Amino acid sequence: MNYKADIAREPIMHSIYFLLLLEGPKCEGWVNAADRWLCHVVEDPSMIPRQSNAWKELEKQFKEAFSDYAECKRAQDELKKLKMKNDNLDKYLAAFETHVLRTDIDINDHTNL
């Protein structure tokens, strides 16, 4: 999305646009509930915490609803199995960094290395 466009700067419009992009039976119920929530927010903006806005709150709700909670555990398991093959350090490091980003591990903590 063009971050300079009016739709991107206005949190309510940004949220509406986001909801319009979501389709399919797996998210239809969530989209309908989020749309109702957004209508309530328009009527009563005090529903949103002071340091936040409609888009930030909707994004947080989306991540809570559609997060893969097992992803972190799978990435940790992959890290345990990770081994360098054929002296290919670049491939090993790329795989390591990919898996670490999917976990809550601090990549700069030497005990994790």
PDB file of N, CA and C in Angstrom:
ATOM      1  N   MET A   1       0.847  -1.166   0.000  1.00  0.00           N
ATOM      2  CA  MET A   1       0.000   0.000   0.000  1.00  0.00           C
ATOM      3  C   MET A   1       0.897   1.235   0.000  1.00  0.00           C
ATOM      4  N   ASN A   2       0.475   2.217  -0.705  1.00  0.00           N
ATOM      5  CA  ASN A   2       1.208   3.478  -0.752  1.00  0.00           C
ATOM      6  C   ASN A   2       1.054   4.166   0.600  1.00  0.00           C
ATOM      7  N   TYR A   3       2.141   4.240   1.369  1.00  0.00           N
ATOM      8  CA  TYR A   3       2.060   4.796   2.725  1.00  0.00           C
ATOM      9  C   TYR A   3       1.719   6.278   2.736  1.00  0.00           C
ATOM     10  N   LYS A   4       1.853   6.957   1.583  1.00  0.00           N
ATOM     11  CA  LYS A   4       1.520   8.377   1.515  1.00  0.00           C
ATOM     12  C   LYS A   4       0.047   8.611   1.178  1.00  0.00           C
ATOM     13  N   ALA A   5      -0.652   7.567   0.777  1.00  0.00           N
ATOM     14  CA  ALA A   5      -2.066   7.698   0.420  1.00  0.00           C
ATOM     15  C   ALA A   5      -2.896   8.004   1.663  1.00  0.00           C
ATOM     16  N   ASP A   6      -3.979   8.724   1.477  1.00  0.00           N
ATOM     17  CA  ASP A   6      -4.852   9.078   2.598  1.00  0.00           C
ATOM     18  C   ASP A   6      -5.358   7.844   3.328  1.00  0.00           C
ATOM     19  N   ILE A   7      -5.653   6.798   2.581  1.00  0.00           N
ATOM     20  CA  ILE A   7      -6.203   5.580   3.191  1.00  0.00           C
ATOM     21  C   ILE A   7      -5.209   4.954   4.161  1.00  0.00           C
ATOM     22  N   ALA A   8      -3.921   5.118   3.910  1.00  0.00           N
ATOM     23  CA  ALA A   8      -2.909   4.547   4.789  1.00  0.00           C
ATOM     24  C   ALA A   8      -2.683   5.398   6.032  1.00  0.00           C
ATOM     25  N   ARG A   9      -2.957   6.662   5.951  1.00  0.00           N
ATOM     26  CA  ARG A   9      -2.713   7.563   7.092  1.00  0.00           C
ATOM     27  C   ARG A   9      -3.860   7.560   8.091  1.00  0.00           C
ATOM     28  N   GLU A  10      -5.049   7.284   7.656  1.00  0.00           N
ATOM     29  CA  GLU A  10      -6.237   7.309   8.515  1.00  0.00           C
ATOM     30  C   GLU A  10      -6.478   5.890   9.042  1.00  0.00           C
ATOM     31  N   PRO A  11      -6.320   5.654  10.350  1.00  0.00           N
ATOM     32  CA  PRO A  11      -6.418   4.304  10.905  1.00  0.00           C
ATOM     33  C   PRO A  11      -7.731   3.572  10.607  1.00  0.00           C
ATOM     34  N   ILE A  12      -8.849   4.273  10.638  1.00  0.00           N
ATOM     35  CA  ILE A  12     -10.141   3.620  10.346  1.00  0.00           C
ATOM     36  C   ILE A  12     -10.180   3.164   8.893  1.00  0.00           C
ATOM     37  N   MET A  13      -9.781   4.028   7.966  1.00  0.00           N
ATOM     38  CA  MET A  13      -9.779   3.664   6.549  1.00  0.00           C
ATOM     39  C   MET A  13      -8.781   2.544   6.265  1.00  0.00           C
ATOM     40  N   HIS A  14      -7.649   2.599   6.919  1.00  0.00           N
ATOM     41  CA  HIS A  14      -6.641   1.548   6.781  1.00  0.00           C
ATOM     42  C   HIS A  14      -7.233   0.212   7.226  1.00  0.00           C
ATOM     43  N   SER A  15      -7.949   0.222   8.325  1.00  0.00           N
ATOM     44  CA  SER A  15      -8.577  -0.985   8.862  1.00  0.00           C
ATOM     45  C   SER A  15      -9.651  -1.518   7.925  1.00  0.00           C
ATOM     46  N   ILE A  16     -10.484  -0.632   7.408  1.00  0.00           N
ATOM     47  CA  ILE A  16     -11.549  -1.047   6.485  1.00  0.00           C
ATOM     48  C   ILE A  16     -10.943  -1.672   5.235  1.00  0.00           C
ATOM     49  N   TYR A  17      -9.908  -1.042   4.707  1.00  0.00           N
ATOM     50  CA  TYR A  17      -9.244  -1.575   3.518  1.00  0.00           C
ATOM     51  C   TYR A  17      -8.683  -2.965   3.794  1.00  0.00           C
ATOM     52  N   PHE A  18      -8.052  -3.137   4.929  1.00  0.00           N
ATOM     53  CA  PHE A  18      -7.500  -4.435   5.315  1.00  0.00           C
ATOM     54  C   PHE A  18      -8.599  -5.495   5.362  1.00  0.00           C
ATOM     55  N   LEU A  19      -9.717  -5.163   5.994  1.00  0.00           N
ATOM     56  CA  LEU A  19     -10.813  -6.127   6.100  1.00  0.00           C
ATOM     57  C   LEU A  19     -11.375  -6.493   4.728  1.00  0.00           C
ATOM     58  N   LEU A  20     -11.380  -5.543   3.807  1.00  0.00           N
ATOM     59  CA  LEU A  20     -11.878  -5.822   2.458  1.00  0.00           C
ATOM     60  C   LEU A  20     -10.982  -6.810   1.710  1.00  0.00           C
ATOM     61  N   LEU A  21      -9.725  -6.884   2.081  1.00  0.00           N
ATOM     62  CA  LEU A  21      -8.790  -7.795   1.410  1.00  0.00           C
ATOM     63  C   LEU A  21      -8.921  -9.240   1.867  1.00  0.00           C
ATOM     64  N   LEU A  22      -9.499  -9.449   3.046  1.00  0.00           N
ATOM     65  CA  LEU A  22      -9.618 -10.799   3.586  1.00  0.00           C
ATOM     66  C   LEU A  22     -10.860 -11.481   3.041  1.00  0.00           C
ATOM     67  N   GLU A  23     -10.657 -12.643   2.453  1.00  0.00           N
ATOM     68  CA  GLU A  23     -11.771 -13.401   1.877  1.00  0.00           C
ATOM     69  C   GLU A  23     -11.658 -14.863   2.266  1.00  0.00           C
ATOM     70  N   GLY A  24     -12.761 -15.559   2.169  1.00  0.00           N
ATOM     71  CA  GLY A  24     -12.741 -16.996   2.359  1.00  0.00           C
ATOM     72  C   GLY A  24     -13.450 -17.436   3.619  1.00  0.00           C
ATOM     73  N   PRO A  25     -13.835 -18.705   3.632  1.00  0.00           N
ATOM     74  CA  PRO A  25     -14.605 -19.238   4.752  1.00  0.00           C
ATOM     75  C   PRO A  25     -13.828 -19.304   6.062  1.00  0.00           C
ATOM     76  N   LYS A  26     -12.498 -19.398   6.004  1.00  0.00           N
ATOM     77  CA  LYS A  26     -11.711 -19.521   7.235  1.00  0.00           C
ATOM     78  C   LYS A  26     -11.592 -18.210   7.999  1.00  0.00           C
ATOM     79  N   CYS A  27     -11.834 -17.098   7.340  1.00  0.00           N
ATOM     80  CA  CYS A  27     -11.706 -15.817   8.060  1.00  0.00           C
ATOM     81  C   CYS A  27     -13.000 -15.001   8.022  1.00  0.00           C
ATOM     82  N   GLU A  28     -14.023 -15.519   7.371  1.00  0.00           N
ATOM     83  CA  GLU A  28     -15.280 -14.767   7.221  1.00  0.00           C
ATOM     84  C   GLU A  28     -15.888 -14.364   8.557  1.00  0.00           C
ATOM     85  N   GLY A  29     -15.937 -15.278   9.508  1.00  0.00           N
ATOM     86  CA  GLY A  29     -16.511 -14.970  10.825  1.00  0.00           C
ATOM     87  C   GLY A  29     -15.715 -13.904  11.547  1.00  0.00           C
ATOM     88  N   TRP A  30     -14.386 -14.018  11.484  1.00  0.00           N
ATOM     89  CA  TRP A  30     -13.537 -13.031  12.147  1.00  0.00           C
ATOM     90  C   TRP A  30     -13.701 -11.666  11.499  1.00  0.00           C
ATOM     91  N   VAL A  31     -13.766 -11.620  10.175  1.00  0.00           N
ATOM     92  CA  VAL A  31     -13.928 -10.346   9.462  1.00  0.00           C
ATOM     93  C   VAL A  31     -15.242  -9.683   9.854  1.00  0.00           C
ATOM     94  N   ASN A  32     -16.309 -10.459   9.934  1.00  0.00           N
ATOM     95  CA  ASN A  32     -17.608  -9.895  10.319  1.00  0.00           C
ATOM     96  C   ASN A  32     -17.561  -9.329  11.742  1.00  0.00           C
ATOM     97  N   ALA A  33     -16.930 -10.064  12.655  1.00  0.00           N
ATOM     98  CA  ALA A  33     -16.819  -9.578  14.037  1.00  0.00           C
ATOM     99  C   ALA A  33     -15.938  -8.323  14.091  1.00  0.00           C
ATOM    100  N   ALA A  34     -14.851  -8.306  13.334  1.00  0.00           N
ATOM    101  CA  ALA A  34     -13.957  -7.143  13.311  1.00  0.00           C
ATOM    102  C   ALA A  34     -14.669  -5.940  12.710  1.00  0.00           C
ATOM    103  N   ASP A  35     -15.496  -6.168  11.714  1.00  0.00           N
ATOM    104  CA  ASP A  35     -16.260  -5.081  11.095  1.00  0.00           C
ATOM    105  C   ASP A  35     -17.237  -4.479  12.096  1.00  0.00           C
ATOM    106  N   ARG A  36     -17.917  -5.326  12.859  1.00  0.00           N
ATOM    107  CA  ARG A  36     -18.838  -4.833  13.894  1.00  0.00           C
ATOM    108  C   ARG A  36     -18.068  -4.044  14.956  1.00  0.00           C
ATOM    109  N   TRP A  37     -16.899  -4.576  15.364  1.00  0.00           N
ATOM    110  CA  TRP A  37     -16.066  -3.889  16.346  1.00  0.00           C
ATOM    111  C   TRP A  37     -15.654  -2.518  15.825  1.00  0.00           C
ATOM    112  N   LEU A  38     -15.272  -2.459  14.553  1.00  0.00           N
ATOM    113  CA  LEU A  38     -14.839  -1.201  13.956  1.00  0.00           C
ATOM    114  C   LEU A  38     -15.994  -0.196  13.926  1.00  0.00           C
ATOM    115  N   CYS A  39     -17.200  -0.648  13.661  1.00  0.00           N
ATOM    116  CA  CYS A  39     -18.377   0.244  13.685  1.00  0.00           C
ATOM    117  C   CYS A  39     -18.583   0.819  15.078  1.00  0.00           C
ATOM    118  N   HIS A  40     -18.386  -0.008  16.107  1.00  0.00           N
ATOM    119  CA  HIS A  40     -18.509   0.469  17.485  1.00  0.00           C
ATOM    120  C   HIS A  40     -17.417   1.491  17.806  1.00  0.00           C
ATOM    121  N   VAL A  41     -16.219   1.261  17.282  1.00  0.00           N
ATOM    122  CA  VAL A  41     -15.107   2.185  17.515  1.00  0.00           C
ATOM    123  C   VAL A  41     -15.391   3.535  16.872  1.00  0.00           C
ATOM    124  N   VAL A  42     -15.995   3.520  15.687  1.00  0.00           N
ATOM    125  CA  VAL A  42     -16.342   4.773  15.013  1.00  0.00           C
ATOM    126  C   VAL A  42     -17.350   5.549  15.855  1.00  0.00           C
ATOM    127  N   GLU A  43     -18.317   4.834  16.434  1.00  0.00           N
ATOM    128  CA  GLU A  43     -19.328   5.479  17.282  1.00  0.00           C
ATOM    129  C   GLU A  43     -18.747   5.932  18.621  1.00  0.00           C
ATOM    130  N   ASP A  44     -17.809   5.156  19.159  1.00  0.00           N
ATOM    131  CA  ASP A  44     -17.233   5.464  20.476  1.00  0.00           C
ATOM    132  C   ASP A  44     -15.724   5.236  20.460  1.00  0.00           C
ATOM    133  N   PRO A  45     -14.946   6.219  20.016  1.00  0.00           N
ATOM    134  CA  PRO A  45     -13.486   6.073  19.933  1.00  0.00           C
ATOM    135  C   PRO A  45     -12.803   5.814  21.272  1.00  0.00           C
ATOM    136  N   SER A  46     -13.509   6.057  22.378  1.00  0.00           N
ATOM    137  CA  SER A  46     -12.899   5.826  23.691  1.00  0.00           C
ATOM    138  C   SER A  46     -12.683   4.334  23.969  1.00  0.00           C
ATOM    139  N   MET A  47     -13.184   3.463  23.099  1.00  0.00           N
ATOM    140  CA  MET A  47     -12.978   2.017  23.243  1.00  0.00           C
ATOM    141  C   MET A  47     -11.513   1.644  23.028  1.00  0.00           C
ATOM    142  N   ILE A  48     -10.767   2.514  22.372  1.00  0.00           N
ATOM    143  CA  ILE A  48      -9.370   2.245  22.037  1.00  0.00           C
ATOM    144  C   ILE A  48      -8.470   2.893  23.086  1.00  0.00           C
ATOM    145  N   PRO A  49      -7.449   2.179  23.550  1.00  0.00           N
ATOM    146  CA  PRO A  49      -6.518   2.781  24.518  1.00  0.00           C
ATOM    147  C   PRO A  49      -5.883   4.059  23.980  1.00  0.00           C
ATOM    148  N   ARG A  50      -5.486   4.935  24.876  1.00  0.00           N
ATOM    149  CA  ARG A  50      -4.969   6.264  24.496  1.00  0.00           C
ATOM    150  C   ARG A  50      -3.788   6.226  23.535  1.00  0.00           C
ATOM    151  N   GLN A  51      -2.827   5.382  23.750  1.00  0.00           N
ATOM    152  CA  GLN A  51      -1.614   5.366  22.938  1.00  0.00           C
ATOM    153  C   GLN A  51      -1.763   4.525  21.675  1.00  0.00           C
ATOM    154  N   SER A  52      -2.969   4.147  21.344  1.00  0.00           N
ATOM    155  CA  SER A  52      -3.203   3.267  20.202  1.00  0.00           C
ATOM    156  C   SER A  52      -4.148   3.913  19.211  1.00  0.00           C
ATOM    157  N   ASN A  53      -4.502   3.162  18.179  1.00  0.00           N
ATOM    158  CA  ASN A  53      -5.510   3.604  17.223  1.00  0.00           C
ATOM    159  C   ASN A  53      -6.226   2.371  16.680  1.00  0.00           C
ATOM    160  N   ALA A  54      -7.231   2.584  15.859  1.00  0.00           N
ATOM    161  CA  ALA A  54      -8.047   1.476  15.355  1.00  0.00           C
ATOM    162  C   ALA A  54      -7.199   0.456  14.598  1.00  0.00           C
ATOM    163  N   TRP A  55      -6.280   0.925  13.765  1.00  0.00           N
ATOM    164  CA  TRP A  55      -5.466  -0.001  12.984  1.00  0.00           C
ATOM    165  C   TRP A  55      -4.568  -0.854  13.882  1.00  0.00           C
ATOM    166  N   LYS A  56      -3.906  -0.245  14.859  1.00  0.00           N
ATOM    167  CA  LYS A  56      -3.025  -1.001  15.753  1.00  0.00           C
ATOM    168  C   LYS A  56      -3.803  -2.061  16.521  1.00  0.00           C
ATOM    169  N   GLU A  57      -4.986  -1.699  16.977  1.00  0.00           N
ATOM    170  CA  GLU A  57      -5.810  -2.646  17.731  1.00  0.00           C
ATOM    171  C   GLU A  57      -6.317  -3.775  16.834  1.00  0.00           C
ATOM    172  N   LEU A  58      -6.723  -3.444  15.619  1.00  0.00           N
ATOM    173  CA  LEU A  58      -7.195  -4.469  14.684  1.00  0.00           C
ATOM    174  C   LEU A  58      -6.056  -5.414  14.309  1.00  0.00           C
ATOM    175  N   GLU A  59      -4.885  -4.852  14.092  1.00  0.00           N
ATOM    176  CA  GLU A  59      -3.719  -5.675  13.766  1.00  0.00           C
ATOM    177  C   GLU A  59      -3.409  -6.637  14.911  1.00  0.00           C
ATOM    178  N   LYS A  60      -3.485  -6.148  16.142  1.00  0.00           N
ATOM    179  CA  LYS A  60      -3.238  -6.988  17.313  1.00  0.00           C
ATOM    180  C   LYS A  60      -4.282  -8.113  17.392  1.00  0.00           C
ATOM    181  N   GLN A  61      -5.550  -7.778  17.156  1.00  0.00           N
ATOM    182  CA  GLN A  61      -6.609  -8.788  17.174  1.00  0.00           C
ATOM    183  C   GLN A  61      -6.389  -9.846  16.094  1.00  0.00           C
ATOM    184  N   PHE A  62      -5.969  -9.385  14.919  1.00  0.00           N
ATOM    185  CA  PHE A  62      -5.720 -10.311  13.805  1.00  0.00           C
ATOM    186  C   PHE A  62      -4.602 -11.286  14.164  1.00  0.00           C
ATOM    187  N   LYS A  63      -3.517 -10.764  14.690  1.00  0.00           N
ATOM    188  CA  LYS A  63      -2.381 -11.623  15.045  1.00  0.00           C
ATOM    189  C   LYS A  63      -2.758 -12.620  16.124  1.00  0.00           C
ATOM    190  N   GLU A  64      -3.587 -12.208  17.082  1.00  0.00           N
ATOM    191  CA  GLU A  64      -4.030 -13.126  18.131  1.00  0.00           C
ATOM    192  C   GLU A  64      -4.920 -14.218  17.554  1.00  0.00           C
ATOM    193  N   ALA A  65      -5.764 -13.864  16.606  1.00  0.00           N
ATOM    194  CA  ALA A  65      -6.709 -14.829  16.044  1.00  0.00           C
ATOM    195  C   ALA A  65      -6.058 -15.802  15.068  1.00  0.00           C
ATOM    196  N   PHE A  66      -5.051 -15.346  14.336  1.00  0.00           N
ATOM    197  CA  PHE A  66      -4.499 -16.171  13.267  1.00  0.00           C
ATOM    198  C   PHE A  66      -3.035 -16.555  13.458  1.00  0.00           C
ATOM    199  N   SER A  67      -2.533 -16.417  14.668  1.00  0.00           N
ATOM    200  CA  SER A  67      -1.155 -16.822  14.934  1.00  0.00           C
ATOM    201  C   SER A  67      -1.054 -18.334  14.989  1.00  0.00           C
ATOM    202  N   ASP A  68       0.051 -18.840  14.507  1.00  0.00           N
ATOM    203  CA  ASP A  68       0.345 -20.269  14.597  1.00  0.00           C
ATOM    204  C   ASP A  68       1.164 -20.469  15.864  1.00  0.00           C
ATOM    205  N   TYR A  69       0.501 -20.884  16.922  1.00  0.00           N
ATOM    206  CA  TYR A  69       1.164 -20.997  18.206  1.00  0.00           C
ATOM    207  C   TYR A  69       2.211 -22.108  18.230  1.00  0.00           C
ATOM    208  N   ALA A  70       2.104 -23.061  17.340  1.00  0.00           N
ATOM    209  CA  ALA A  70       3.068 -24.155  17.299  1.00  0.00           C
ATOM    210  C   ALA A  70       4.304 -23.793  16.473  1.00  0.00           C
ATOM    211  N   GLU A  71       4.276 -22.665  15.763  1.00  0.00           N
ATOM    212  CA  GLU A  71       5.394 -22.281  14.913  1.00  0.00           C
ATOM    213  C   GLU A  71       6.685 -22.145  15.713  1.00  0.00           C
ATOM    214  N   CYS A  72       6.619 -21.547  16.860  1.00  0.00           N
ATOM    215  CA  CYS A  72       7.799 -21.354  17.705  1.00  0.00           C
ATOM    216  C   CYS A  72       8.400 -22.702  18.095  1.00  0.00           C
ATOM    217  N   LYS A  73       7.577 -23.630  18.512  1.00  0.00           N
ATOM    218  CA  LYS A  73       8.055 -24.955  18.920  1.00  0.00           C
ATOM    219  C   LYS A  73       8.656 -25.693  17.730  1.00  0.00           C
ATOM    220  N   ARG A  74       8.017 -25.613  16.561  1.00  0.00           N
ATOM    221  CA  ARG A  74       8.561 -26.278  15.374  1.00  0.00           C
ATOM    222  C   ARG A  74       9.921 -25.692  15.002  1.00  0.00           C
ATOM    223  N   ALA A  75      10.051 -24.366  15.094  1.00  0.00           N
ATOM    224  CA  ALA A  75      11.322 -23.720  14.769  1.00  0.00           C
ATOM    225  C   ALA A  75      12.406 -24.141  15.761  1.00  0.00           C
ATOM    226  N   GLN A  76      12.057 -24.266  17.040  1.00  0.00           N
ATOM    227  CA  GLN A  76      13.028 -24.723  18.034  1.00  0.00           C
ATOM    228  C   GLN A  76      13.472 -26.151  17.735  1.00  0.00           C
ATOM    229  N   ASP A  77      12.524 -27.003  17.342  1.00  0.00           N
ATOM    230  CA  ASP A  77      12.862 -28.382  16.980  1.00  0.00           C
ATOM    231  C   ASP A  77      13.790 -28.416  15.760  1.00  0.00           C
ATOM    232  N   GLU A  78      13.511 -27.563  14.774  1.00  0.00           N
ATOM    233  CA  GLU A  78      14.361 -27.498  13.581  1.00  0.00           C
ATOM    234  C   GLU A  78      15.767 -27.023  13.937  1.00  0.00           C
ATOM    235  N   LEU A  79      15.866 -26.087  14.866  1.00  0.00           N
ATOM    236  CA  LEU A  79      17.180 -25.618  15.300  1.00  0.00           C
ATOM    237  C   LEU A  79      17.986 -26.734  15.943  1.00  0.00           C
ATOM    238  N   LYS A  80      17.331 -27.574  16.727  1.00  0.00           N
ATOM    239  CA  LYS A  80      18.028 -28.683  17.374  1.00  0.00           C
ATOM    240  C   LYS A  80      18.578 -29.670  16.350  1.00  0.00           C
ATOM    241  N   LYS A  81      17.861 -29.837  15.238  1.00  0.00           N
ATOM    242  CA  LYS A  81      18.277 -30.784  14.198  1.00  0.00           C
ATOM    243  C   LYS A  81      19.241 -30.177  13.178  1.00  0.00           C
ATOM    244  N   LEU A  82      19.395 -28.873  13.192  1.00  0.00           N
ATOM    245  CA  LEU A  82      20.172 -28.185  12.169  1.00  0.00           C
ATOM    246  C   LEU A  82      21.653 -28.558  12.230  1.00  0.00           C
ATOM    247  N   LYS A  83      22.185 -28.952  11.087  1.00  0.00           N
ATOM    248  CA  LYS A  83      23.604 -29.288  10.975  1.00  0.00           C
ATOM    249  C   LYS A  83      24.126 -28.726   9.660  1.00  0.00           C
ATOM    250  N   MET A  84      25.380 -28.341   9.667  1.00  0.00           N
ATOM    251  CA  MET A  84      25.992 -27.833   8.438  1.00  0.00           C
ATOM    252  C   MET A  84      26.348 -29.020   7.546  1.00  0.00           C
ATOM    253  N   LYS A  85      26.031 -28.886   6.261  1.00  0.00           N
ATOM    254  CA  LYS A  85      26.303 -29.955   5.300  1.00  0.00           C
ATOM    255  C   LYS A  85      27.261 -29.448   4.230  1.00  0.00           C
ATOM    256  N   ASN A  86      28.199 -30.280   3.876  1.00  0.00           N
ATOM    257  CA  ASN A  86      29.152 -29.982   2.796  1.00  0.00           C
ATOM    258  C   ASN A  86      29.895 -28.669   3.009  1.00  0.00           C
ATOM    259  N   ASP A  87      30.186 -28.338   4.238  1.00  0.00           N
ATOM    260  CA  ASP A  87      30.916 -27.102   4.556  1.00  0.00           C
ATOM    261  C   ASP A  87      30.252 -25.851   3.991  1.00  0.00           C
ATOM    262  N   ASN A  88      28.924 -25.876   3.826  1.00  0.00           N
ATOM    263  CA  ASN A  88      28.194 -24.740   3.272  1.00  0.00           C
ATOM    264  C   ASN A  88      27.717 -23.840   4.416  1.00  0.00           C
ATOM    265  N   LEU A  89      28.612 -22.970   4.852  1.00  0.00           N
ATOM    266  CA  LEU A  89      28.324 -22.095   5.988  1.00  0.00           C
ATOM    267  C   LEU A  89      27.192 -21.117   5.687  1.00  0.00           C
ATOM    268  N   ASP A  90      27.158 -20.576   4.477  1.00  0.00           N
ATOM    269  CA  ASP A  90      26.111 -19.607   4.129  1.00  0.00           C
ATOM    270  C   ASP A  90      24.721 -20.223   4.240  1.00  0.00           C
ATOM    271  N   LYS A  91      24.565 -21.427   3.752  1.00  0.00           N
ATOM    272  CA  LYS A  91      23.259 -22.099   3.809  1.00  0.00           C
ATOM    273  C   LYS A  91      22.879 -22.400   5.262  1.00  0.00           C
ATOM    274  N   TYR A  92      23.863 -22.820   6.048  1.00  0.00           N
ATOM    275  CA  TYR A  92      23.614 -23.108   7.460  1.00  0.00           C
ATOM    276  C   TYR A  92      23.178 -21.847   8.206  1.00  0.00           C
ATOM    277  N   LEU A  93      23.905 -20.754   8.001  1.00  0.00           N
ATOM    278  CA  LEU A  93      23.568 -19.501   8.684  1.00  0.00           C
ATOM    279  C   LEU A  93      22.202 -18.972   8.262  1.00  0.00           C
ATOM    280  N   ALA A  94      21.876 -19.092   6.984  1.00  0.00           N
ATOM    281  CA  ALA A  94      20.565 -18.641   6.506  1.00  0.00           C
ATOM    282  C   ALA A  94      19.451 -19.437   7.178  1.00  0.00           C
ATOM    283  N   ALA A  95      19.625 -20.762   7.263  1.00  0.00           N
ATOM    284  CA  ALA A  95      18.614 -21.600   7.914  1.00  0.00           C
ATOM    285  C   ALA A  95      18.530 -21.271   9.403  1.00  0.00           C
ATOM    286  N   PHE A  96      19.681 -21.072  10.037  1.00  0.00           N
ATOM    287  CA  PHE A  96      19.720 -20.738  11.465  1.00  0.00           C
ATOM    288  C   PHE A  96      18.954 -19.443  11.731  1.00  0.00           C
ATOM    289  N   GLU A  97      19.259 -18.408  10.969  1.00  0.00           N
ATOM    290  CA  GLU A  97      18.608 -17.107  11.178  1.00  0.00           C
ATOM    291  C   GLU A  97      17.104 -17.192  10.908  1.00  0.00           C
ATOM    292  N   THR A  98      16.710 -17.952   9.898  1.00  0.00           N
ATOM    293  CA  THR A  98      15.289 -18.122   9.593  1.00  0.00           C
ATOM    294  C   THR A  98      14.556 -18.755  10.765  1.00  0.00           C
ATOM    295  N   HIS A  99      15.122 -19.825  11.305  1.00  0.00           N
ATOM    296  CA  HIS A  99      14.476 -20.507  12.428  1.00  0.00           C
ATOM    297  C   HIS A  99      14.482 -19.648  13.687  1.00  0.00           C
ATOM    298  N   VAL A 100      15.565 -18.940  13.945  1.00  0.00           N
ATOM    299  CA  VAL A 100      15.647 -18.098  15.141  1.00  0.00           C
ATOM    300  C   VAL A 100      14.596 -16.994  15.102  1.00  0.00           C
ATOM    301  N   LEU A 101      14.364 -16.423  13.924  1.00  0.00           N
ATOM    302  CA  LEU A 101      13.362 -15.361  13.809  1.00  0.00           C
ATOM    303  C   LEU A 101      11.958 -15.853  14.126  1.00  0.00           C
ATOM    304  N   ARG A 102      11.706 -17.143  13.976  1.00  0.00           N
ATOM    305  CA  ARG A 102      10.391 -17.704  14.267  1.00  0.00           C
ATOM    306  C   ARG A 102      10.247 -18.149  15.721  1.00  0.00           C
ATOM    307  N   THR A 103      11.301 -17.934  16.506  1.00  0.00           N
ATOM    308  CA  THR A 103      11.258 -18.300  17.927  1.00  0.00           C
ATOM    309  C   THR A 103      11.381 -17.041  18.771  1.00  0.00           C
ATOM    310  N   ASP A 104      11.419 -17.249  20.069  1.00  0.00           N
ATOM    311  CA  ASP A 104      11.623 -16.117  20.971  1.00  0.00           C
ATOM    312  C   ASP A 104      13.059 -16.085  21.474  1.00  0.00           C
ATOM    313  N   ILE A 105      13.955 -16.707  20.741  1.00  0.00           N
ATOM    314  CA  ILE A 105      15.364 -16.797  21.126  1.00  0.00           C
ATOM    315  C   ILE A 105      16.088 -15.502  20.768  1.00  0.00           C
ATOM    316  N   ASP A 106      16.941 -15.056  21.670  1.00  0.00           N
ATOM    317  CA  ASP A 106      17.777 -13.883  21.416  1.00  0.00           C
ATOM    318  C   ASP A 106      19.012 -14.338  20.646  1.00  0.00           C
ATOM    319  N   ILE A 107      19.100 -13.967  19.391  1.00  0.00           N
ATOM    320  CA  ILE A 107      20.187 -14.418  18.518  1.00  0.00           C
ATOM    321  C   ILE A 107      21.549 -13.900  18.991  1.00  0.00           C
ATOM    322  N   ASN A 108      21.568 -12.824  19.748  1.00  0.00           N
ATOM    323  CA  ASN A 108      22.821 -12.249  20.215  1.00  0.00           C
ATOM    324  C   ASN A 108      23.307 -12.825  21.551  1.00  0.00           C
ATOM    325  N   ASP A 109      22.508 -13.673  22.161  1.00  0.00           N
ATOM    326  CA  ASP A 109      22.892 -14.300  23.422  1.00  0.00           C
ATOM    327  C   ASP A 109      23.811 -15.486  23.105  1.00  0.00           C
ATOM    328  N   HIS A 110      25.045 -15.425  23.580  1.00  0.00           N
ATOM    329  CA  HIS A 110      26.031 -16.449  23.228  1.00  0.00           C
ATOM    330  C   HIS A 110      25.638 -17.842  23.724  1.00  0.00           C
ATOM    331  N   THR A 111      24.816 -17.944  24.746  1.00  0.00           N
ATOM    332  CA  THR A 111      24.405 -19.259  25.226  1.00  0.00           C
ATOM    333  C   THR A 111      23.479 -19.952  24.235  1.00  0.00           C
ATOM    334  N   ASN A 112      22.798 -19.192  23.399  1.00  0.00           N
ATOM    335  CA  ASN A 112      21.918 -19.781  22.388  1.00  0.00           C
ATOM    336  C   ASN A 112      22.712 -20.322  21.196  1.00  0.00           C
ATOM    337  N   LEU A 113      23.867 -19.764  20.982  1.00  0.00           N
ATOM    338  CA  LEU A 113      24.681 -20.243  19.867  1.00  0.00           C
ATOM    339  C   LEU A 113      25.276 -21.594  20.190  1.00  0.00           C
TER     340      LEU A 113
END
